[in-house]
Structures are given as structure tokens and as C-alpha cells.
Amino acid sequence: MPQTLPRSLKHEYELYVEREIENYKDSVPRTVLLSIGDEAVRLMSGRAQFELTELVLVEEVDRIIMQRLRIPSYGTWRRRRLRMLEKYRKPEHWGLAPNAALVRAIRPAAEAHVLVAGTPKVEETALYLAAHGCEVTALEQEEDVVERVMTAASAVGLTGLVHGCVSDLSDYRPQAPLTAVVCTPAAFAGLTSEERARVIDVLQSATRSGGVHLVETVGANHAGVTLDELRSSYLGWDVSVERGLGSDRTFLARKSVA
């Protein structure tokens, strides 16, 4: 997961406008685009000292499309985006309690890198952490799940902080030190005990001192990995287990500071 410098709001807006225009062009018949081109030529031909070039024509076509789509100005978009980000930073927006393990355990920092995998709320978890400034990799085996996460991130200008990865834990190799790992037992489903041990070892080695591994909803009815297996795999880490609904538990392990 390479370090990514935060994009400016202006740059995020430019990317947003570009995506909206391209999506429109892909959604309409060629005849519609040709008619917009004809309209652009008519508009420009009435302007004094105008020189028709391919670049000028493309810019005019894009301007017409922006008007048709009613794309907001940068100022309006910026205000909306900041309001949405403020909402995304609130745990209750995602159905999280203010004292939830995820909220308490992961404190975003300037260089925080978090891996989110195997959780049914991968989209919510990734966006909550990214809204707080974390760089997040959303790891899922289903391509449509990853696409949904990236679409949601794009809607609020978080594409610079959210990375989608179609894979499973057995094939994943962190490209940069991790600050936290958030997953459920489902992330380990289908793996042998030896494969699970290897995956955990890889993630532990990639995690910074003081980093956190959070495995949610570990219970008797969940396949993948058990509490006893997790406890034996995190010797030397500061481990705690929190009670959840019914028999579910949340396993929390913090890597000792070297």
C-alpha cells in the first residue's frame, strides 16, 4: 500500500468533473455527442476572433455537458463535500457506538495505513477511517464489493485515501507498514490452520509497533478462526476480548512498542 499524499480539494473537484463528463459521454448514443459538437461549433462561430481547434472544441463540448448535468461550481461542491466528510467522521453515522472498539482502538495519524478485510461493513469501515485521514486498503474477493467501496469513496473525494484490492488474505502482501488491520473471521474462511498462521504472521510483521489488529464478531457460529487460535497467535501482543451481541466477541491485539 504505497503512501499517497492527500490531494487538494481543487484537484479532487477537477477529478469529479472529469468523471461526471466521461460517464455522460459513455451513457449516451454517438448521435447525441455529435449534436453537442454541432452546438459547440455554432456557439463558437458567433464569437469574435475565435479559432476553431480540436482542443477548443472539446473544451466547449465539455462545458455544454457540464451545463446539462448541472454540475455545481467548485465553491458549492466544496461546501457539500466538507459537510459530508464531517458526517462521515461521526461513528453514529455508521451505526457505531462512540465507545466501539474500532473507534477507540484506531487513532488516525498523518501516516496511518489500515487494512480492512472480510467484514460485511467494509464500505462503512473504510469510509469512516478515510474520512479521519487514514489511508485504507479495502480487501475483498468479490469485485463488485470493491467497486462499491471505490464508488462511495469517489462521491466524497476520498479516492486518494481508499484503495480497492480484489484478493483474499492468503495472497495479500502489504506494500507499506500497517497501522491497523480490521477484519472478521470470514476473512480467514477456506484457509487451513497453516495458511491462517502464515497470513497472521505476514500481517503481524507488516504492522508498526503500537499497531492494532481488530477481529470483529468472533463466535461459535462463525467459521474462519477461533478466539483460542487468535490468542495463541498473538503471544507477546497486548490482547483483550470484548463482549458483543450474544456469543460474539471482538478480539483486540496491540503490538508491543519496541
C-alpha atoms as a PDB file:
ATOM      1  CA  MET A   1       0.000   0.000   0.000  1.00  0.00           C
ATOM      2  CA  PRO A   2       2.141   2.921  -1.212  1.00  0.00           C
ATOM      3  CA  GLN A   3       1.997   6.197   0.680  1.00  0.00           C
ATOM      4  CA  THR A   4      -0.273   8.679  -1.040  1.00  0.00           C
ATOM      5  CA  LEU A   5      -0.116  12.412  -0.497  1.00  0.00           C
ATOM      6  CA  PRO A   6      -3.563  13.926   0.191  1.00  0.00           C
ATOM      7  CA  ARG A   7      -4.993  15.637  -2.860  1.00  0.00           C
ATOM      8  CA  SER A   8      -6.104  19.244  -2.694  1.00  0.00           C
ATOM      9  CA  LEU A   9      -9.837  19.902  -2.747  1.00  0.00           C
ATOM     10  CA  LYS A  10      -9.391  21.719  -6.044  1.00  0.00           C
ATOM     11  CA  HIS A  11      -7.778  18.671  -7.614  1.00  0.00           C
ATOM     12  CA  GLU A  12     -10.494  16.396  -6.214  1.00  0.00           C
ATOM     13  CA  TYR A  13     -13.100  18.688  -7.787  1.00  0.00           C
ATOM     14  CA  GLU A  14     -11.378  18.547 -11.163  1.00  0.00           C
ATOM     15  CA  LEU A  15     -11.357  14.734 -10.982  1.00  0.00           C
ATOM     16  CA  TYR A  16     -15.042  14.754 -10.032  1.00  0.00           C
ATOM     17  CA  VAL A  17     -15.965  16.944 -13.015  1.00  0.00           C
ATOM     18  CA  GLU A  18     -13.898  14.789 -15.365  1.00  0.00           C
ATOM     19  CA  ARG A  19     -15.598  11.591 -14.136  1.00  0.00           C
ATOM     20  CA  GLU A  20     -19.086  13.082 -14.500  1.00  0.00           C
ATOM     21  CA  ILE A  21     -18.401  14.249 -18.057  1.00  0.00           C
ATOM     22  CA  GLU A  22     -16.857  10.940 -19.130  1.00  0.00           C
ATOM     23  CA  ASN A  23     -19.694   8.951 -17.562  1.00  0.00           C
ATOM     24  CA  TYR A  24     -22.192  11.080 -19.503  1.00  0.00           C
ATOM     25  CA  LYS A  25     -20.329  10.557 -22.769  1.00  0.00           C
ATOM     26  CA  ASP A  26     -20.307   6.801 -22.193  1.00  0.00           C
ATOM     27  CA  SER A  27     -24.040   6.740 -21.416  1.00  0.00           C
ATOM     28  CA  VAL A  28     -25.458   8.497 -24.499  1.00  0.00           C
ATOM     29  CA  PRO A  29     -25.584   7.463 -28.177  1.00  0.00           C
ATOM     30  CA  ARG A  30     -22.994   8.816 -30.592  1.00  0.00           C
ATOM     31  CA  THR A  31     -25.704  10.897 -32.290  1.00  0.00           C
ATOM     32  CA  VAL A  32     -26.183  12.864 -29.066  1.00  0.00           C
ATOM     33  CA  LEU A  33     -22.468  13.611 -28.840  1.00  0.00           C
ATOM     34  CA  LEU A  34     -22.424  14.707 -32.482  1.00  0.00           C
ATOM     35  CA  SER A  35     -25.340  17.061 -31.847  1.00  0.00           C
ATOM     36  CA  ILE A  36     -23.479  18.560 -28.886  1.00  0.00           C
ATOM     37  CA  GLY A  37     -20.461  19.008 -31.146  1.00  0.00           C
ATOM     38  CA  ASP A  38     -22.597  20.854 -33.702  1.00  0.00           C
ATOM     39  CA  GLU A  39     -23.994  23.062 -30.934  1.00  0.00           C
ATOM     40  CA  ALA A  40     -20.455  23.852 -29.765  1.00  0.00           C
ATOM     41  CA  VAL A  41     -19.404  24.877 -33.282  1.00  0.00           C
ATOM     42  CA  ARG A  42     -22.436  27.164 -33.641  1.00  0.00           C
ATOM     43  CA  LEU A  43     -21.754  28.831 -30.309  1.00  0.00           C
ATOM     44  CA  MET A  44     -18.087  29.408 -31.037  1.00  0.00           C
ATOM     45  CA  SER A  45     -18.650  30.643 -34.570  1.00  0.00           C
ATOM     46  CA  GLY A  46     -20.528  33.633 -33.219  1.00  0.00           C
ATOM     47  CA  ARG A  47     -17.650  34.732 -31.020  1.00  0.00           C
ATOM     48  CA  ALA A  48     -15.204  37.369 -32.202  1.00  0.00           C
ATOM     49  CA  GLN A  49     -11.656  36.294 -33.086  1.00  0.00           C
ATOM     50  CA  PHE A  50     -12.396  32.661 -32.447  1.00  0.00           C
ATOM     51  CA  GLU A  51     -10.051  29.995 -33.793  1.00  0.00           C
ATOM     52  CA  LEU A  52     -11.584  26.553 -34.019  1.00  0.00           C
ATOM     53  CA  THR A  53      -9.162  23.849 -32.943  1.00  0.00           C
ATOM     54  CA  GLU A  54      -9.835  20.319 -31.755  1.00  0.00           C
ATOM     55  CA  LEU A  55      -8.833  21.250 -28.198  1.00  0.00           C
ATOM     56  CA  VAL A  56     -11.118  24.299 -28.136  1.00  0.00           C
ATOM     57  CA  LEU A  57     -13.999  22.217 -29.498  1.00  0.00           C
ATOM     58  CA  VAL A  58     -13.524  19.535 -26.836  1.00  0.00           C
ATOM     59  CA  GLU A  59     -13.474  22.169 -24.089  1.00  0.00           C
ATOM     60  CA  GLU A  60     -16.694  23.713 -25.398  1.00  0.00           C
ATOM     61  CA  VAL A  61     -18.386  20.304 -25.610  1.00  0.00           C
ATOM     62  CA  ASP A  62     -17.376  19.606 -22.003  1.00  0.00           C
ATOM     63  CA  ARG A  63     -18.737  22.996 -20.938  1.00  0.00           C
ATOM     64  CA  ILE A  64     -22.112  22.233 -22.571  1.00  0.00           C
ATOM     65  CA  ILE A  65     -22.230  18.828 -20.872  1.00  0.00           C
ATOM     66  CA  MET A  66     -21.456  20.428 -17.501  1.00  0.00           C
ATOM     67  CA  GLN A  67     -24.430  22.736 -18.006  1.00  0.00           C
ATOM     68  CA  ARG A  68     -26.705  19.852 -18.964  1.00  0.00           C
ATOM     69  CA  LEU A  69     -25.629  17.852 -15.908  1.00  0.00           C
ATOM     70  CA  ARG A  70     -25.905  20.930 -13.700  1.00  0.00           C
ATOM     71  CA  ILE A  71     -22.507  20.199 -12.204  1.00  0.00           C
ATOM     72  CA  PRO A  72     -22.066  22.505  -9.199  1.00  0.00           C
ATOM     73  CA  SER A  73     -19.389  25.165  -9.036  1.00  0.00           C
ATOM     74  CA  TYR A  74     -16.230  24.444  -7.082  1.00  0.00           C
ATOM     75  CA  GLY A  75     -17.449  26.560  -4.154  1.00  0.00           C
ATOM     76  CA  THR A  76     -20.756  24.709  -3.917  1.00  0.00           C
ATOM     77  CA  TRP A  77     -19.107  21.295  -4.326  1.00  0.00           C
ATOM     78  CA  ARG A  78     -16.520  22.137  -1.665  1.00  0.00           C
ATOM     79  CA  ARG A  79     -19.148  23.116   0.899  1.00  0.00           C
ATOM     80  CA  ARG A  80     -21.150  19.949   0.223  1.00  0.00           C
ATOM     81  CA  ARG A  81     -18.054  17.775   0.441  1.00  0.00           C
ATOM     82  CA  LEU A  82     -16.898  19.249   3.741  1.00  0.00           C
ATOM     83  CA  ARG A  83     -20.375  18.746   5.228  1.00  0.00           C
ATOM     84  CA  MET A  84     -20.415  15.144   4.048  1.00  0.00           C
ATOM     85  CA  LEU A  85     -16.938  14.442   5.423  1.00  0.00           C
ATOM     86  CA  GLU A  86     -17.954  15.881   8.776  1.00  0.00           C
ATOM     87  CA  LYS A  87     -20.900  13.488   8.789  1.00  0.00           C
ATOM     88  CA  TYR A  88     -18.665  10.546   7.807  1.00  0.00           C
ATOM     89  CA  ARG A  89     -16.359  11.247  10.773  1.00  0.00           C
ATOM     90  CA  LYS A  90     -19.167  10.618  13.256  1.00  0.00           C
ATOM     91  CA  PRO A  91     -19.323   6.983  14.469  1.00  0.00           C
ATOM     92  CA  GLU A  92     -23.105   7.078  14.802  1.00  0.00           C
ATOM     93  CA  HIS A  93     -23.439   7.778  11.065  1.00  0.00           C
ATOM     94  CA  TRP A  94     -22.157   4.234  10.503  1.00  0.00           C
ATOM     95  CA  GLY A  95     -24.109   2.669  13.343  1.00  0.00           C
ATOM     96  CA  LEU A  96     -21.085   2.625  15.650  1.00  0.00           C
ATOM     97  CA  ALA A  97     -21.235   3.446  19.327  1.00  0.00           C
ATOM     98  CA  PRO A  98     -18.862   6.242  20.432  1.00  0.00           C
ATOM     99  CA  ASN A  99     -17.035   3.689  22.615  1.00  0.00           C
ATOM    100  CA  ALA A 100     -16.924   0.908  19.987  1.00  0.00           C
ATOM    101  CA  ALA A 101     -13.634  -0.967  19.762  1.00  0.00           C
ATOM    102  CA  LEU A 102     -12.990   0.338  16.250  1.00  0.00           C
ATOM    103  CA  VAL A 103     -13.491   3.943  17.392  1.00  0.00           C
ATOM    104  CA  ARG A 104     -11.333   3.611  20.499  1.00  0.00           C
ATOM    105  CA  ALA A 105      -8.534   1.437  19.158  1.00  0.00           C
ATOM    106  CA  ILE A 106      -7.653   3.180  15.904  1.00  0.00           C
ATOM    107  CA  ARG A 107      -6.470   6.741  16.298  1.00  0.00           C
ATOM    108  CA  PRO A 108      -5.834   8.212  12.825  1.00  0.00           C
ATOM    109  CA  ALA A 109      -2.439   9.796  12.284  1.00  0.00           C
ATOM    110  CA  ALA A 110      -0.708  11.502   9.385  1.00  0.00           C
ATOM    111  CA  GLU A 111       0.803   8.232   8.132  1.00  0.00           C
ATOM    112  CA  ALA A 112      -1.876   5.776   9.270  1.00  0.00           C
ATOM    113  CA  HIS A 113      -2.353   2.791   6.934  1.00  0.00           C
ATOM    114  CA  VAL A 114      -5.259   0.429   7.644  1.00  0.00           C
ATOM    115  CA  LEU A 115      -6.200  -2.872   6.022  1.00  0.00           C
ATOM    116  CA  VAL A 116      -9.940  -3.698   6.076  1.00  0.00           C
ATOM    117  CA  ALA A 117     -10.885  -7.239   5.026  1.00  0.00           C
ATOM    118  CA  GLY A 118     -13.654  -9.787   5.315  1.00  0.00           C
ATOM    119  CA  THR A 119     -16.107  -7.542   7.127  1.00  0.00           C
ATOM    120  CA  PRO A 120     -19.715  -7.164   5.895  1.00  0.00           C
ATOM    121  CA  LYS A 121     -19.316  -3.439   6.577  1.00  0.00           C
ATOM    122  CA  VAL A 122     -16.140  -2.992   4.543  1.00  0.00           C
ATOM    123  CA  GLU A 123     -17.568   0.087   2.818  1.00  0.00           C
ATOM    124  CA  GLU A 124     -18.647   1.759   6.055  1.00  0.00           C
ATOM    125  CA  THR A 125     -15.410   0.913   7.876  1.00  0.00           C
ATOM    126  CA  ALA A 126     -13.187   2.081   5.008  1.00  0.00           C
ATOM    127  CA  LEU A 127     -15.016   5.392   4.582  1.00  0.00           C
ATOM    128  CA  TYR A 128     -15.160   6.095   8.324  1.00  0.00           C
ATOM    129  CA  LEU A 129     -11.389   5.638   8.650  1.00  0.00           C
ATOM    130  CA  ALA A 130     -10.574   7.503   5.413  1.00  0.00           C
ATOM    131  CA  ALA A 131     -12.740  10.454   6.498  1.00  0.00           C
ATOM    132  CA  HIS A 132     -10.464  10.686   9.529  1.00  0.00           C
ATOM    133  CA  GLY A 133      -7.373  10.784   7.329  1.00  0.00           C
ATOM    134  CA  CYS A 134      -6.316   7.135   7.308  1.00  0.00           C
ATOM    135  CA  GLU A 135      -5.068   5.550   4.119  1.00  0.00           C
ATOM    136  CA  VAL A 136      -7.211   2.436   3.719  1.00  0.00           C
ATOM    137  CA  THR A 137      -6.963  -0.704   1.627  1.00  0.00           C
ATOM    138  CA  ALA A 138     -10.327  -2.453   1.224  1.00  0.00           C
ATOM    139  CA  LEU A 139      -9.538  -6.111   0.543  1.00  0.00           C
ATOM    140  CA  GLU A 140     -12.361  -8.299  -0.765  1.00  0.00           C
ATOM    141  CA  GLN A 141     -12.661 -11.337  -3.022  1.00  0.00           C
ATOM    142  CA  GLU A 142     -15.805 -10.027  -4.718  1.00  0.00           C
ATOM    143  CA  GLU A 143     -15.066  -7.417  -7.388  1.00  0.00           C
ATOM    144  CA  ASP A 144     -18.486  -5.790  -7.084  1.00  0.00           C
ATOM    145  CA  VAL A 145     -17.885  -5.150  -3.370  1.00  0.00           C
ATOM    146  CA  VAL A 146     -14.600  -3.392  -4.116  1.00  0.00           C
ATOM    147  CA  GLU A 147     -16.235  -1.353  -6.885  1.00  0.00           C
ATOM    148  CA  ARG A 148     -18.982  -0.275  -4.491  1.00  0.00           C
ATOM    149  CA  VAL A 149     -16.397   0.910  -1.966  1.00  0.00           C
ATOM    150  CA  MET A 150     -14.480   2.892  -4.586  1.00  0.00           C
ATOM    151  CA  THR A 151     -17.676   4.461  -5.971  1.00  0.00           C
ATOM    152  CA  ALA A 152     -18.691   5.589  -2.494  1.00  0.00           C
ATOM    153  CA  ALA A 153     -15.195   6.978  -1.856  1.00  0.00           C
ATOM    154  CA  SER A 154     -15.290   8.853  -5.146  1.00  0.00           C
ATOM    155  CA  ALA A 155     -18.588  10.508  -4.261  1.00  0.00           C
ATOM    156  CA  VAL A 156     -16.952  12.416  -1.395  1.00  0.00           C
ATOM    157  CA  GLY A 157     -13.479  12.867  -2.830  1.00  0.00           C
ATOM    158  CA  LEU A 158     -11.730  10.138  -0.824  1.00  0.00           C
ATOM    159  CA  THR A 159     -10.261   8.230  -3.757  1.00  0.00           C
ATOM    160  CA  GLY A 160      -6.784   9.428  -2.792  1.00  0.00           C
ATOM    161  CA  LEU A 161      -7.073   7.633   0.553  1.00  0.00           C
ATOM    162  CA  VAL A 162      -9.095   4.498  -0.288  1.00  0.00           C
ATOM    163  CA  HIS A 163      -7.557   1.677  -2.311  1.00  0.00           C
ATOM    164  CA  GLY A 164      -9.552  -1.311  -3.570  1.00  0.00           C
ATOM    165  CA  CYS A 165      -7.935  -4.729  -3.818  1.00  0.00           C
ATOM    166  CA  VAL A 166      -9.689  -7.804  -5.247  1.00  0.00           C
ATOM    167  CA  SER A 167      -7.944 -10.631  -3.424  1.00  0.00           C
ATOM    168  CA  ASP A 168      -8.011 -12.679  -0.235  1.00  0.00           C
ATOM    169  CA  LEU A 169      -5.732 -12.577   2.767  1.00  0.00           C
ATOM    170  CA  SER A 170      -3.696 -15.601   1.664  1.00  0.00           C
ATOM    171  CA  ASP A 171      -2.458 -13.729  -1.428  1.00  0.00           C
ATOM    172  CA  TYR A 172      -2.157 -10.240   0.065  1.00  0.00           C
ATOM    173  CA  ARG A 173       1.252  -8.720   0.764  1.00  0.00           C
ATOM    174  CA  PRO A 174       1.346  -5.269   2.410  1.00  0.00           C
ATOM    175  CA  GLN A 175       3.383  -2.783   0.395  1.00  0.00           C
ATOM    176  CA  ALA A 176       3.925  -0.431   3.351  1.00  0.00           C
ATOM    177  CA  PRO A 177       3.869  -0.695   7.163  1.00  0.00           C
ATOM    178  CA  LEU A 178       0.371  -1.097   8.591  1.00  0.00           C
ATOM    179  CA  THR A 179      -1.068   0.889  11.478  1.00  0.00           C
ATOM    180  CA  ALA A 180      -4.097  -1.370  11.893  1.00  0.00           C
ATOM    181  CA  VAL A 181      -5.891  -4.411  10.498  1.00  0.00           C
ATOM    182  CA  VAL A 182      -9.685  -4.697  10.767  1.00  0.00           C
ATOM    183  CA  CYS A 183     -11.370  -7.936   9.747  1.00  0.00           C
ATOM    184  CA  THR A 184     -13.825 -10.655  10.730  1.00  0.00           C
ATOM    185  CA  PRO A 185     -13.348 -14.431  10.940  1.00  0.00           C
ATOM    186  CA  ALA A 186     -14.809 -14.602   7.412  1.00  0.00           C
ATOM    187  CA  ALA A 187     -11.531 -13.186   6.102  1.00  0.00           C
ATOM    188  CA  PHE A 188      -9.877 -16.489   7.095  1.00  0.00           C
ATOM    189  CA  ALA A 189     -12.642 -18.769   5.774  1.00  0.00           C
ATOM    190  CA  GLY A 190     -11.447 -21.542   3.479  1.00  0.00           C
ATOM    191  CA  LEU A 191      -7.852 -21.393   4.749  1.00  0.00           C
ATOM    192  CA  THR A 192      -6.129 -24.256   6.533  1.00  0.00           C
ATOM    193  CA  SER A 193      -4.711 -23.689  10.003  1.00  0.00           C
ATOM    194  CA  GLU A 194      -1.225 -23.481   8.463  1.00  0.00           C
ATOM    195  CA  GLU A 195      -2.391 -20.887   5.944  1.00  0.00           C
ATOM    196  CA  ARG A 196      -4.096 -18.848   8.663  1.00  0.00           C
ATOM    197  CA  ALA A 197      -0.916 -18.907  10.739  1.00  0.00           C
ATOM    198  CA  ARG A 198       1.118 -17.711   7.758  1.00  0.00           C
ATOM    199  CA  VAL A 199      -1.362 -14.903   6.983  1.00  0.00           C
ATOM    200  CA  ILE A 200      -1.357 -13.694  10.582  1.00  0.00           C
ATOM    201  CA  ASP A 201       2.447 -13.794  10.674  1.00  0.00           C
ATOM    202  CA  VAL A 202       2.672 -11.697   7.474  1.00  0.00           C
ATOM    203  CA  LEU A 203       0.250  -9.093   8.864  1.00  0.00           C
ATOM    204  CA  GLN A 204       1.981  -9.008  12.236  1.00  0.00           C
ATOM    205  CA  SER A 205       5.378  -8.473  10.616  1.00  0.00           C
ATOM    206  CA  ALA A 206       3.967  -5.622   8.489  1.00  0.00           C
ATOM    207  CA  THR A 207       2.370  -3.854  11.475  1.00  0.00           C
ATOM    208  CA  ARG A 208       4.135  -0.955  13.170  1.00  0.00           C
ATOM    209  CA  SER A 209       4.967  -1.027  16.874  1.00  0.00           C
ATOM    210  CA  GLY A 210       1.840   0.061  18.728  1.00  0.00           C
ATOM    211  CA  GLY A 211      -0.352  -1.008  15.808  1.00  0.00           C
ATOM    212  CA  VAL A 212      -3.688  -2.757  16.274  1.00  0.00           C
ATOM    213  CA  HIS A 213      -5.345  -5.898  14.907  1.00  0.00           C
ATOM    214  CA  LEU A 214      -9.108  -5.994  15.382  1.00  0.00           C
ATOM    215  CA  VAL A 215     -11.105  -9.154  14.607  1.00  0.00           C
ATOM    216  CA  GLU A 216     -14.824  -8.490  14.990  1.00  0.00           C
ATOM    217  CA  THR A 217     -17.741 -10.851  15.752  1.00  0.00           C
ATOM    218  CA  VAL A 218     -15.699 -13.894  16.718  1.00  0.00           C
ATOM    219  CA  GLY A 219     -18.147 -16.505  17.985  1.00  0.00           C
ATOM    220  CA  ALA A 220     -19.133 -20.132  17.982  1.00  0.00           C
ATOM    221  CA  ASN A 221     -21.336 -19.683  14.916  1.00  0.00           C
ATOM    222  CA  HIS A 222     -18.665 -18.008  12.770  1.00  0.00           C
ATOM    223  CA  ALA A 223     -16.318 -20.057  10.600  1.00  0.00           C
ATOM    224  CA  GLY A 224     -12.796 -18.939   9.833  1.00  0.00           C
ATOM    225  CA  VAL A 225     -10.809 -18.515  13.044  1.00  0.00           C
ATOM    226  CA  THR A 226     -11.490 -19.027  16.758  1.00  0.00           C
ATOM    227  CA  LEU A 227     -10.622 -16.981  19.822  1.00  0.00           C
ATOM    228  CA  ASP A 228      -8.310 -19.702  21.115  1.00  0.00           C
ATOM    229  CA  GLU A 229      -6.443 -19.735  17.797  1.00  0.00           C
ATOM    230  CA  LEU A 230      -6.134 -15.953  17.839  1.00  0.00           C
ATOM    231  CA  ARG A 231      -4.884 -15.894  21.424  1.00  0.00           C
ATOM    232  CA  SER A 232      -2.175 -18.448  20.638  1.00  0.00           C
ATOM    233  CA  SER A 233      -1.168 -16.495  17.521  1.00  0.00           C
ATOM    234  CA  TYR A 234      -0.681 -13.176  19.328  1.00  0.00           C
ATOM    235  CA  LEU A 235       1.705 -14.124  22.104  1.00  0.00           C
ATOM    236  CA  GLY A 236       3.718 -11.063  23.095  1.00  0.00           C
ATOM    237  CA  TRP A 237       0.944  -8.669  21.991  1.00  0.00           C
ATOM    238  CA  ASP A 238      -1.361  -6.837  24.402  1.00  0.00           C
ATOM    239  CA  VAL A 239      -4.580  -8.826  23.923  1.00  0.00           C
ATOM    240  CA  SER A 240      -8.132  -8.157  25.098  1.00  0.00           C
ATOM    241  CA  VAL A 241     -11.516  -9.673  24.227  1.00  0.00           C
ATOM    242  CA  GLU A 242     -14.697  -7.608  24.393  1.00  0.00           C
ATOM    243  CA  ARG A 243     -18.212  -8.971  24.673  1.00  0.00           C
ATOM    244  CA  GLY A 244     -20.612  -8.320  21.792  1.00  0.00           C
ATOM    245  CA  LEU A 245     -24.121  -9.468  20.926  1.00  0.00           C
ATOM    246  CA  GLY A 246     -24.981 -12.988  22.067  1.00  0.00           C
ATOM    247  CA  SER A 247     -21.891 -15.195  21.934  1.00  0.00           C
ATOM    248  CA  ASP A 248     -19.964 -12.821  19.672  1.00  0.00           C
ATOM    249  CA  ARG A 249     -16.694 -11.336  20.846  1.00  0.00           C
ATOM    250  CA  THR A 250     -14.289  -8.739  19.484  1.00  0.00           C
ATOM    251  CA  PHE A 251     -10.628  -9.695  19.602  1.00  0.00           C
ATOM    252  CA  LEU A 252      -8.241  -6.776  20.006  1.00  0.00           C
ATOM    253  CA  ALA A 253      -4.446  -7.080  19.916  1.00  0.00           C
ATOM    254  CA  ARG A 254      -1.916  -4.257  20.124  1.00  0.00           C
ATOM    255  CA  LYS A 255       1.700  -4.792  19.064  1.00  0.00           C
ATOM    256  CA  SER A 256       4.180  -4.031  21.793  1.00  0.00           C
ATOM    257  CA  VAL A 257       6.251  -0.905  21.303  1.00  0.00           C
ATOM    258  CA  ALA A 258       9.834  -1.865  20.571  1.00  0.00           C
END
